[in-house]
Amino acid sequence: MRGLLRALTVRGRSFVAAGAAAVFCGLLIPEPDLVRIGALLIALPVLSAFGAGRARYRLSCVRSVSPARLPAGQSASLTIRLTNVSKLRTGLLLAEDTVPYALGSRPRFIFEGISAGGSRAYTYQLGSDTRGRYTIGPLRVRVADSFGLVSITRAFTSTSVLTITPRIISLARPPLGGYWLGDSEHGRRSIAASGEDDVAPRAYRTGDSLQRVHWRSTARYGELMVRREEQYWRNTASLFLDTRRGSYSSSMFELAVTAAASIGVHLAGEGFEARFVTSEGEVPRQGTFRDTLLDTLAVLRPSRAVSIEVGTQALGTGGGQVIAVLGDIAPAQARELAAARRGTAPGVALFLAESGAANVTASAQVLTAAGWRVAVVPDAVRLATAWQELYRDGGSSAAVPGGIISTGATSTGSTVGVSADGSGGAATVRDSAGPDSVGRDSVGPDSVGEASHG
């Protein structure tokens, strides 16, 4: 009874009230005809509610959102298609989709009568400047009867998921460096990008497959010789993000997430075999590196960890160059990070910190002394500029001395100060506007997103 009263419109409640009054008066007079009229007024909304309720369960809803993942600030299209699976034509349907507050207001739309087996579709746009994973739906449909006595609202069970990733800043100048993998005595080793495969045979060892026996070499040397497996070259990298709450302010943490997303998308576009590591360890890959990175960063929140030891240990298990996105870390933690780099693989660090951060200068000097290339970036506008400068001289920190790059905007353009540790002290070089000046728009064909230059 309570559900029936909620379904009645103002007109329906008026009918019920008038019918009850007529029945009461007809019993008092007594007047049978008045009682009959009152009973009809009461029965009409009840029958309308029953018919409207049955019509609701004969509709099907199909939802689709495109794209299902997009950077912050862009919009996606969500299409809702209602299909009438009954044999009767529906009445007027008023629909409202359930949308999280961060994605905007709830869209309302009207479906006119849908014929038997017919369908109607409605498409609307939605997006957000705040990253996250949002559940949209279910769709709520209000079914009204022809007399306007009853309005029944029901919700479908299907929902859509929209993932808003951090904003992607286009980065130029891909980092260089390769590693080859294969069956060798030294495991993974660094070689030139154009090196040839090592196909020389070696002596047989216990456990080697007999299918790899090289019979010509066996006859030549008088002992079993096996072929080395083909060894191939590939680009490998580890992207590290310091996610500790104490390393950033709230705005700088969002900048760090944006930087990690931009670098990761750039590496994926350049064909790198990469992995994503945070202060709490390596993020297990689910699908491609790009999908894993963006899905993780979309919902990433600052952690309460106080140390990066777990993250640096995970970095030490991999190979290739290390690209670290850091906040205000202590020099001792910078030494831990520097020790996680293996061999002569390049090391690059971006400090996302405001001017005057307590430990940034000292930590940057620690990494620079260990052969890393370091840039201090105070805002998103200078991220692309700093990245370009990090790989400006040869693209590898193993080939040139490590340096600290500090970007800053002036009234006439961009100025970059590079400090490099020498044998006798520090040297400072300033580049003015010229053919290689910072701020030049140099976006590669595989870059994703919008370039934002200071």
Protein backbone atom coordinates (compact mmCIF):
# COMPACT_ATOMS: atom_id res chain seq x y z
CA MET A 1 0.00 0.00 0.00
CA ARG A 2 2.83 2.40 0.84
CA GLY A 3 4.49 1.71 -2.53
CA LEU A 4 1.18 2.34 -4.30
CA LEU A 5 0.74 5.71 -2.60
CA ARG A 6 4.26 6.75 -3.60
CA ALA A 7 3.51 5.89 -7.24
CA LEU A 8 0.38 8.07 -7.37
CA THR A 9 0.62 11.52 -8.89
CA VAL A 10 -1.27 14.50 -7.45
CA ARG A 11 -4.14 13.67 -9.78
CA GLY A 12 -4.10 10.06 -8.68
CA ARG A 13 -4.17 10.98 -5.00
CA SER A 14 -7.07 13.34 -5.68
CA PHE A 15 -8.98 10.51 -7.32
CA VAL A 16 -8.39 8.25 -4.32
CA ALA A 17 -9.46 10.97 -1.87
CA ALA A 18 -12.60 11.79 -3.85
CA GLY A 19 -13.45 8.11 -4.18
CA ALA A 20 -13.04 7.51 -0.44
CA ALA A 21 -15.26 10.49 0.35
CA ALA A 22 -17.90 9.28 -2.09
CA VAL A 23 -17.92 5.79 -0.59
CA PHE A 24 -18.17 7.19 2.95
CA CYS A 25 -21.04 9.51 2.07
CA GLY A 26 -22.84 6.81 0.07
CA LEU A 27 -22.75 4.52 3.08
CA LEU A 28 -24.08 7.23 5.40
CA ILE A 29 -26.99 8.38 3.26
CA PRO A 30 -27.22 5.45 2.16
CA GLU A 31 -26.86 5.82 -1.65
CA PRO A 32 -25.62 2.72 -3.53
CA ASP A 33 -24.88 4.63 -6.74
CA LEU A 34 -22.59 7.02 -4.89
CA VAL A 35 -20.76 4.08 -3.37
CA ARG A 36 -20.25 2.61 -6.82
CA ILE A 37 -18.86 5.89 -8.15
CA GLY A 38 -16.48 6.14 -5.18
CA ALA A 39 -15.28 2.57 -5.71
CA LEU A 40 -14.60 3.33 -9.39
CA LEU A 41 -12.57 6.41 -8.48
CA ILE A 42 -10.46 4.33 -6.09
CA ALA A 43 -10.03 1.39 -8.47
CA LEU A 44 -8.91 3.47 -11.46
CA PRO A 45 -5.50 4.55 -9.99
CA VAL A 46 -4.90 1.01 -8.72
CA LEU A 47 -5.48 -0.51 -12.14
CA SER A 48 -3.34 2.19 -13.76
CA ALA A 49 -0.50 1.42 -11.36
CA PHE A 50 -0.71 -2.28 -12.17
CA GLY A 51 -0.60 -1.65 -15.91
CA ALA A 52 2.26 0.85 -15.68
CA GLY A 53 4.25 -1.56 -13.53
CA ARG A 54 3.96 -4.36 -16.07
CA ALA A 55 5.02 -2.05 -18.91
CA ARG A 56 8.27 -1.13 -17.08
CA TYR A 57 9.53 -4.71 -16.97
CA ARG A 58 9.22 -5.07 -20.75
CA LEU A 59 11.96 -2.62 -21.56
CA SER A 60 15.63 -3.45 -22.02
CA CYS A 61 18.53 -1.02 -21.72
CA VAL A 62 21.91 -1.18 -23.46
CA ARG A 63 24.66 1.29 -22.51
CA SER A 64 27.94 2.12 -24.24
CA VAL A 65 30.59 4.72 -23.41
CA SER A 66 33.29 5.80 -25.86
CA PRO A 67 36.08 6.07 -25.03
CA ALA A 68 36.01 4.18 -21.73
CA ARG A 69 39.31 5.80 -20.69
CA LEU A 70 40.29 9.39 -21.42
CA PRO A 71 42.58 12.09 -19.98
CA ALA A 72 41.25 14.70 -17.60
CA GLY A 73 39.69 17.68 -19.33
CA GLN A 74 38.37 15.72 -22.30
CA SER A 75 34.85 14.38 -22.83
CA ALA A 76 33.36 11.00 -23.65
CA SER A 77 30.09 10.05 -25.31
CA LEU A 78 27.62 7.82 -23.51
CA THR A 79 24.80 6.25 -25.52
CA ILE A 80 21.71 4.73 -23.94
CA ARG A 81 19.41 2.60 -26.09
CA LEU A 82 15.99 1.53 -24.80
CA THR A 83 14.25 -1.34 -26.57
CA ASN A 84 10.61 -2.27 -26.19
CA VAL A 85 10.50 -6.07 -26.03
CA SER A 86 6.75 -6.27 -25.45
CA LYS A 87 3.97 -6.47 -28.05
CA LEU A 88 2.35 -3.20 -26.99
CA ARG A 89 3.40 0.36 -27.68
CA THR A 90 4.73 2.20 -24.64
CA GLY A 91 3.56 5.54 -23.43
CA LEU A 92 5.70 8.59 -22.76
CA LEU A 93 8.88 7.69 -20.83
CA LEU A 94 10.86 10.18 -18.77
CA ALA A 95 14.39 8.91 -18.13
CA GLU A 96 17.18 10.13 -15.84
CA ASP A 97 20.69 8.71 -15.73
CA THR A 98 22.64 8.51 -12.47
CA VAL A 99 25.86 10.49 -12.90
CA PRO A 100 28.48 11.19 -10.20
CA TYR A 101 28.71 14.80 -9.14
CA ALA A 102 32.27 15.16 -10.50
CA LEU A 103 31.04 14.37 -14.03
CA GLY A 104 28.30 16.99 -14.10
CA SER A 105 24.55 17.18 -13.65
CA ARG A 106 22.20 14.27 -14.21
CA PRO A 107 20.87 14.22 -17.78
CA ARG A 108 17.11 13.94 -18.24
CA PHE A 109 15.52 12.99 -21.52
CA ILE A 110 12.15 11.92 -22.89
CA PHE A 111 11.40 8.88 -25.00
CA GLU A 112 8.18 9.15 -26.92
CA GLY A 113 6.05 6.07 -27.37
CA ILE A 114 8.20 3.12 -28.50
CA SER A 115 6.46 0.65 -30.78
CA ALA A 116 6.59 -3.10 -30.21
CA GLY A 117 10.13 -4.32 -30.92
CA GLY A 118 11.31 -0.76 -31.55
CA SER A 119 14.07 1.16 -29.82
CA ARG A 120 15.16 4.69 -29.06
CA ALA A 121 18.67 5.97 -28.37
CA TYR A 122 19.97 9.03 -26.55
CA THR A 123 23.59 10.25 -26.45
CA TYR A 124 25.12 12.80 -24.11
CA GLN A 125 28.61 14.06 -23.28
CA LEU A 126 30.36 13.84 -19.93
CA GLY A 127 33.85 14.39 -18.58
CA SER A 128 35.79 15.74 -15.64
CA ASP A 129 38.95 17.60 -14.71
CA THR A 130 39.40 15.25 -11.74
CA ARG A 131 40.99 11.87 -12.34
CA GLY A 132 39.29 8.76 -11.00
CA ARG A 133 37.18 5.76 -11.91
CA TYR A 134 33.50 6.60 -12.02
CA THR A 135 30.42 4.38 -12.17
CA ILE A 136 27.61 5.85 -14.27
CA GLY A 137 24.08 4.58 -13.91
CA PRO A 138 21.79 2.86 -13.46
CA LEU A 139 19.20 4.51 -15.69
CA ARG A 140 15.97 5.44 -13.94
CA VAL A 141 12.81 5.46 -16.05
CA ARG A 142 9.49 6.96 -15.00
CA VAL A 143 6.50 5.22 -16.57
CA ALA A 144 3.21 7.13 -16.52
CA ASP A 145 -0.27 5.93 -17.43
CA SER A 146 -2.47 7.58 -20.05
CA PHE A 147 -4.61 9.37 -17.44
CA GLY A 148 -1.68 10.83 -15.51
CA LEU A 149 -2.76 9.08 -12.32
CA VAL A 150 0.36 7.00 -11.72
CA SER A 151 4.07 7.59 -12.21
CA ILE A 152 6.23 4.55 -11.46
CA THR A 153 10.00 4.93 -11.36
CA ARG A 154 12.19 1.91 -11.84
CA ALA A 155 15.95 1.52 -12.27
CA PHE A 156 17.83 -0.82 -14.58
CA THR A 157 20.75 -2.80 -13.19
CA SER A 158 23.30 -2.09 -15.93
CA THR A 159 25.97 0.56 -15.36
CA SER A 160 28.95 2.00 -17.22
CA VAL A 161 32.48 2.68 -15.97
CA LEU A 162 34.45 5.73 -17.11
CA THR A 163 38.13 6.06 -16.19
CA ILE A 164 39.52 9.60 -16.09
CA THR A 165 43.31 9.44 -16.29
CA PRO A 166 45.74 12.26 -15.47
CA ARG A 167 46.29 14.88 -18.14
CA ILE A 168 48.87 13.77 -20.70
CA ILE A 169 51.57 16.27 -21.68
CA SER A 170 53.28 15.52 -24.97
CA LEU A 171 57.01 14.90 -24.57
CA ALA A 172 59.67 15.07 -27.26
CA ARG A 173 63.14 13.54 -27.69
CA PRO A 174 62.82 9.85 -26.79
CA PRO A 175 65.44 8.49 -24.37
CA LEU A 176 67.94 6.12 -25.95
CA GLY A 177 69.44 2.94 -24.58
CA GLY A 178 69.03 -0.74 -25.26
CA TYR A 179 69.46 -4.13 -23.65
CA TRP A 180 69.53 -7.58 -25.15
CA LEU A 181 68.07 -10.73 -23.74
CA GLY A 182 68.91 -14.33 -24.45
CA ASP A 183 70.67 -17.45 -23.29
CA SER A 184 74.15 -16.25 -22.40
CA GLU A 185 76.69 -16.70 -19.65
CA HIS A 186 76.25 -13.13 -18.45
CA GLY A 187 72.48 -12.86 -18.64
CA ARG A 188 71.26 -9.41 -19.57
CA ARG A 189 73.95 -7.08 -20.93
CA SER A 190 74.05 -3.66 -22.55
CA ILE A 191 74.94 -3.51 -26.25
CA ALA A 192 74.71 -1.05 -29.07
CA ALA A 193 71.33 -0.58 -30.68
CA SER A 194 72.61 -1.97 -33.96
CA GLY A 195 74.56 -4.97 -32.64
CA GLU A 196 74.37 -8.36 -34.28
CA ASP A 197 73.06 -11.54 -32.68
CA ASP A 198 75.63 -13.74 -30.97
CA VAL A 199 75.28 -17.10 -32.71
CA ALA A 200 78.62 -18.73 -31.72
CA PRO A 201 78.20 -22.24 -30.28
CA ARG A 202 79.29 -23.15 -26.78
CA ALA A 203 80.00 -26.36 -24.88
CA TYR A 204 77.09 -28.55 -23.86
CA ARG A 205 75.88 -28.18 -20.27
CA THR A 206 73.70 -30.44 -18.17
CA GLY A 207 70.10 -29.53 -18.81
CA ASP A 208 70.57 -28.17 -22.33
CA SER A 209 68.07 -29.46 -24.87
CA LEU A 210 69.47 -31.94 -27.38
CA GLN A 211 67.56 -30.07 -30.08
CA ARG A 212 70.09 -27.26 -29.73
CA VAL A 213 73.13 -29.46 -30.42
CA HIS A 214 75.24 -27.97 -33.23
CA TRP A 215 76.50 -31.14 -34.96
CA ARG A 216 79.00 -29.46 -37.25
CA SER A 217 80.77 -27.81 -34.31
CA THR A 218 80.52 -31.05 -32.33
CA ALA A 219 82.41 -32.90 -35.07
CA ARG A 220 84.95 -30.11 -35.27
CA TYR A 221 85.75 -29.82 -31.58
CA GLY A 222 85.22 -33.45 -30.60
CA GLU A 223 82.66 -32.64 -27.88
CA LEU A 224 79.02 -31.75 -27.74
CA MET A 225 78.42 -28.12 -28.73
CA VAL A 226 75.08 -26.32 -28.58
CA ARG A 227 73.75 -23.24 -30.34
CA ARG A 228 73.12 -20.14 -28.34
CA GLU A 229 69.53 -18.98 -28.49
CA GLU A 230 68.96 -15.93 -30.62
CA GLN A 231 69.49 -12.82 -28.55
CA TYR A 232 67.55 -9.72 -29.37
CA TRP A 233 67.78 -6.04 -28.52
CA ARG A 234 65.08 -4.04 -26.87
CA ASN A 235 64.53 -0.85 -24.96
CA THR A 236 63.78 -1.38 -21.29
CA ALA A 237 62.96 1.13 -18.59
CA SER A 238 61.63 1.33 -15.04
CA LEU A 239 59.37 4.26 -14.18
CA PHE A 240 59.45 5.06 -10.46
CA LEU A 241 56.97 7.36 -8.71
CA ASP A 242 57.38 8.46 -5.12
CA THR A 243 53.82 8.27 -3.77
CA ARG A 244 54.44 9.13 -0.12
CA ARG A 245 52.13 11.73 1.38
CA GLY A 246 54.96 13.57 3.09
CA SER A 247 56.85 14.23 -0.15
CA TYR A 248 54.32 16.57 -1.74
CA SER A 249 51.72 19.18 -1.18
CA SER A 250 48.33 18.26 -2.65
CA SER A 251 48.89 20.26 -5.84
CA MET A 252 52.42 18.92 -6.35
CA PHE A 253 51.22 15.34 -5.94
CA GLU A 254 48.80 15.84 -8.82
CA LEU A 255 51.66 17.27 -10.85
CA ALA A 256 53.78 14.21 -10.06
CA VAL A 257 50.96 11.93 -11.21
CA THR A 258 50.63 13.95 -14.42
CA ALA A 259 54.39 13.71 -15.01
CA ALA A 260 54.42 9.94 -14.47
CA ALA A 261 51.48 9.48 -16.85
CA SER A 262 53.07 11.66 -19.53
CA ILE A 263 56.44 9.89 -19.30
CA GLY A 264 54.84 6.44 -19.28
CA VAL A 265 52.69 7.17 -22.34
CA HIS A 266 55.78 8.55 -24.09
CA LEU A 267 57.80 5.40 -23.31
CA ALA A 268 54.97 3.16 -24.51
CA GLY A 269 54.69 5.14 -27.72
CA GLU A 270 58.41 4.72 -28.36
CA GLY A 271 58.17 0.94 -27.98
CA PHE A 272 59.86 0.59 -24.57
CA GLU A 273 59.42 -2.54 -22.50
CA ALA A 274 58.67 -0.69 -19.29
CA ARG A 275 57.37 -1.35 -15.81
CA PHE A 276 55.82 0.91 -13.17
CA VAL A 277 57.16 1.03 -9.62
CA THR A 278 55.91 3.12 -6.70
CA SER A 279 57.17 3.61 -3.15
CA GLU A 280 55.16 0.52 -2.22
CA GLY A 281 56.67 -1.75 -4.86
CA GLU A 282 56.13 -2.78 -8.47
CA VAL A 283 52.61 -2.53 -9.84
CA PRO A 284 51.57 -5.91 -11.34
CA ARG A 285 50.91 -5.60 -15.03
CA GLN A 286 47.40 -6.28 -16.26
CA GLY A 287 47.43 -5.96 -20.01
CA THR A 288 49.85 -3.55 -21.64
CA PHE A 289 52.18 -1.28 -19.71
CA ARG A 290 50.26 1.79 -20.90
CA ASP A 291 46.89 0.45 -19.73
CA THR A 292 48.30 -0.68 -16.38
CA LEU A 293 49.96 2.68 -15.80
CA LEU A 294 46.93 4.81 -16.65
CA ASP A 295 44.46 2.63 -14.75
CA THR A 296 46.71 2.76 -11.69
CA LEU A 297 47.33 6.50 -11.84
CA ALA A 298 43.62 7.23 -12.33
CA VAL A 299 42.85 6.07 -8.79
CA LEU A 300 46.23 6.58 -7.12
CA ARG A 301 46.19 8.31 -3.73
CA PRO A 302 49.12 9.39 -1.53
CA SER A 303 50.40 6.57 0.65
CA ARG A 304 51.29 6.76 4.32
CA ALA A 305 54.64 5.06 3.83
CA VAL A 306 57.68 6.82 5.30
CA SER A 307 60.37 5.01 3.32
CA ILE A 308 61.04 4.19 -0.33
CA GLU A 309 62.98 1.04 0.54
CA VAL A 310 60.35 -1.32 -0.89
CA GLY A 311 60.28 0.63 -4.13
CA THR A 312 64.05 0.79 -4.52
CA GLN A 313 64.32 -2.95 -3.90
CA ALA A 314 61.82 -3.53 -6.71
CA LEU A 315 63.83 -1.23 -8.97
CA GLY A 316 66.95 -3.28 -8.32
CA THR A 317 65.35 -6.43 -9.73
CA GLY A 318 64.93 -4.97 -13.21
CA GLY A 319 67.20 -3.66 -15.92
CA GLY A 320 67.31 -0.78 -18.31
CA GLN A 321 67.25 2.88 -17.53
CA VAL A 322 65.53 4.27 -14.46
CA ILE A 323 63.26 7.30 -14.65
CA ALA A 324 62.20 8.59 -11.25
CA VAL A 325 59.50 11.16 -10.47
CA LEU A 326 60.23 12.46 -6.99
CA GLY A 327 59.05 14.97 -4.43
CA ASP A 328 60.85 16.44 -1.47
CA ILE A 329 62.95 13.40 -0.49
CA ALA A 330 65.81 13.30 1.99
CA PRO A 331 69.43 12.89 0.77
CA ALA A 332 69.65 9.48 2.48
CA GLN A 333 66.68 8.27 0.43
CA ALA A 334 68.27 9.73 -2.69
CA ARG A 335 71.31 7.55 -2.00
CA GLU A 336 69.03 4.50 -1.76
CA LEU A 337 67.53 5.38 -5.12
CA ALA A 338 70.95 5.92 -6.69
CA ALA A 339 72.08 2.49 -5.49
CA ALA A 340 69.07 0.84 -7.15
CA ARG A 341 70.37 1.66 -10.63
CA ARG A 342 72.18 -1.30 -12.20
CA GLY A 343 75.43 -0.99 -14.13
CA THR A 344 75.77 1.86 -16.59
CA ALA A 345 72.06 2.13 -17.36
CA PRO A 346 70.91 5.76 -17.61
CA GLY A 347 69.30 7.35 -14.58
CA VAL A 348 66.92 10.31 -14.84
CA ALA A 349 65.19 12.08 -11.96
CA LEU A 350 62.48 14.74 -12.07
CA PHE A 351 61.89 16.58 -8.81
CA LEU A 352 58.36 17.98 -8.67
CA ALA A 353 58.81 20.61 -6.01
CA GLU A 354 58.10 24.27 -5.40
CA SER A 355 60.86 26.79 -4.93
CA GLY A 356 62.64 26.50 -1.59
CA ALA A 357 61.86 22.84 -0.92
CA ALA A 358 64.05 21.76 1.98
CA ASN A 359 65.76 18.65 0.65
CA VAL A 360 65.52 18.97 -3.12
CA THR A 361 68.86 20.68 -3.69
CA ALA A 362 70.83 18.27 -1.51
CA SER A 363 69.07 15.19 -2.92
CA ALA A 364 69.57 16.40 -6.48
CA GLN A 365 73.28 16.80 -5.84
CA VAL A 366 73.45 13.23 -4.47
CA LEU A 367 71.89 11.83 -7.65
CA THR A 368 74.01 14.06 -9.87
CA ALA A 369 77.18 12.82 -8.21
CA ALA A 370 76.02 9.26 -8.91
CA GLY A 371 75.77 10.01 -12.64
CA TRP A 372 72.07 10.80 -12.86
CA ARG A 373 70.50 13.55 -14.88
CA VAL A 374 68.28 15.66 -12.67
CA ALA A 375 65.64 18.32 -13.37
CA VAL A 376 63.63 20.37 -10.87
CA VAL A 377 60.16 21.17 -12.23
CA PRO A 378 57.88 23.55 -10.29
CA ASP A 379 54.78 23.31 -12.52
CA ALA A 380 53.25 21.45 -15.46
CA VAL A 381 54.09 24.20 -17.95
CA ARG A 382 57.81 23.46 -17.68
CA LEU A 383 57.59 19.67 -17.72
CA ALA A 384 58.01 19.26 -21.49
CA THR A 385 60.90 21.77 -21.47
CA ALA A 386 62.72 19.95 -18.68
CA TRP A 387 62.27 16.58 -20.39
CA GLN A 388 63.71 17.91 -23.61
CA GLU A 389 66.72 19.34 -21.83
CA LEU A 390 67.39 16.09 -19.96
CA TYR A 391 68.07 14.32 -23.26
CA ARG A 392 69.47 17.26 -25.12
CA ASP A 393 73.11 16.12 -25.10
CA GLY A 394 73.20 12.64 -26.52
CA GLY A 395 70.14 11.27 -24.80
CA SER A 396 71.99 9.23 -22.16
CA SER A 397 73.34 10.18 -18.80
CA ALA A 398 75.96 7.47 -19.18
CA ALA A 399 77.52 9.37 -22.09
CA VAL A 400 77.83 12.80 -20.44
CA PRO A 401 78.33 14.07 -16.90
CA GLY A 402 75.24 14.25 -14.74
CA GLY A 403 73.60 17.62 -14.39
CA ILE A 404 70.91 19.54 -12.51
CA ILE A 405 68.47 21.38 -14.75
CA SER A 406 66.32 24.11 -13.31
CA THR A 407 63.67 25.62 -15.57
CA GLY A 408 62.16 29.03 -15.10
CA ALA A 409 60.16 31.48 -17.20
CA THR A 410 61.35 35.02 -17.96
CA SER A 411 59.70 37.97 -19.65
CA THR A 412 61.44 37.24 -22.96
CA GLY A 413 61.22 33.46 -23.06
CA SER A 414 62.69 30.47 -21.24
CA THR A 415 66.05 30.28 -19.53
CA VAL A 416 67.70 27.05 -18.52
CA GLY A 417 70.51 26.80 -16.01
CA VAL A 418 72.61 23.63 -16.07
CA SER A 419 75.02 22.86 -13.25
CA ALA A 420 77.48 20.00 -13.76
CA ASP A 421 79.89 18.63 -11.24
CA GLY A 422 83.46 18.85 -12.52
CA SER A 423 86.75 17.81 -11.11
CA GLY A 424 87.38 21.21 -9.57
CA GLY A 425 83.92 22.60 -8.86
CA ALA A 426 80.58 23.50 -10.47
CA ALA A 427 80.10 25.09 -13.86
CA THR A 428 77.05 27.05 -14.95
CA VAL A 429 75.89 27.38 -18.55
CA ARG A 430 73.01 29.53 -19.77
CA ASP A 431 71.42 29.08 -23.17
CA SER A 432 69.68 32.01 -24.79
CA ALA A 433 67.14 31.77 -27.59
CA GLY A 434 68.57 30.06 -30.61
CA PRO A 435 68.10 27.07 -32.90
CA ASP A 436 68.24 24.65 -29.96
CA SER A 437 66.59 26.89 -27.40
CA VAL A 438 64.09 25.49 -24.95
CA GLY A 439 60.46 26.08 -25.80
CA ARG A 440 60.75 24.89 -29.38
CA ASP A 441 57.73 22.79 -30.29
CA SER A 442 59.24 19.39 -31.06
CA VAL A 443 56.52 16.79 -30.91
CA GLY A 444 57.11 13.36 -32.39
CA PRO A 445 54.52 11.44 -34.40
CA ASP A 446 53.96 8.97 -31.57
CA SER A 447 53.34 11.58 -28.92
CA VAL A 448 50.00 11.54 -27.16
CA GLY A 449 48.11 14.46 -25.66
CA GLU A 450 48.71 18.20 -25.74
CA ALA A 451 52.05 19.90 -25.44
CA SER A 452 52.28 22.52 -22.76
CA HIS A 453 55.39 24.65 -22.97
CA GLY A 454 56.47 27.38 -20.63
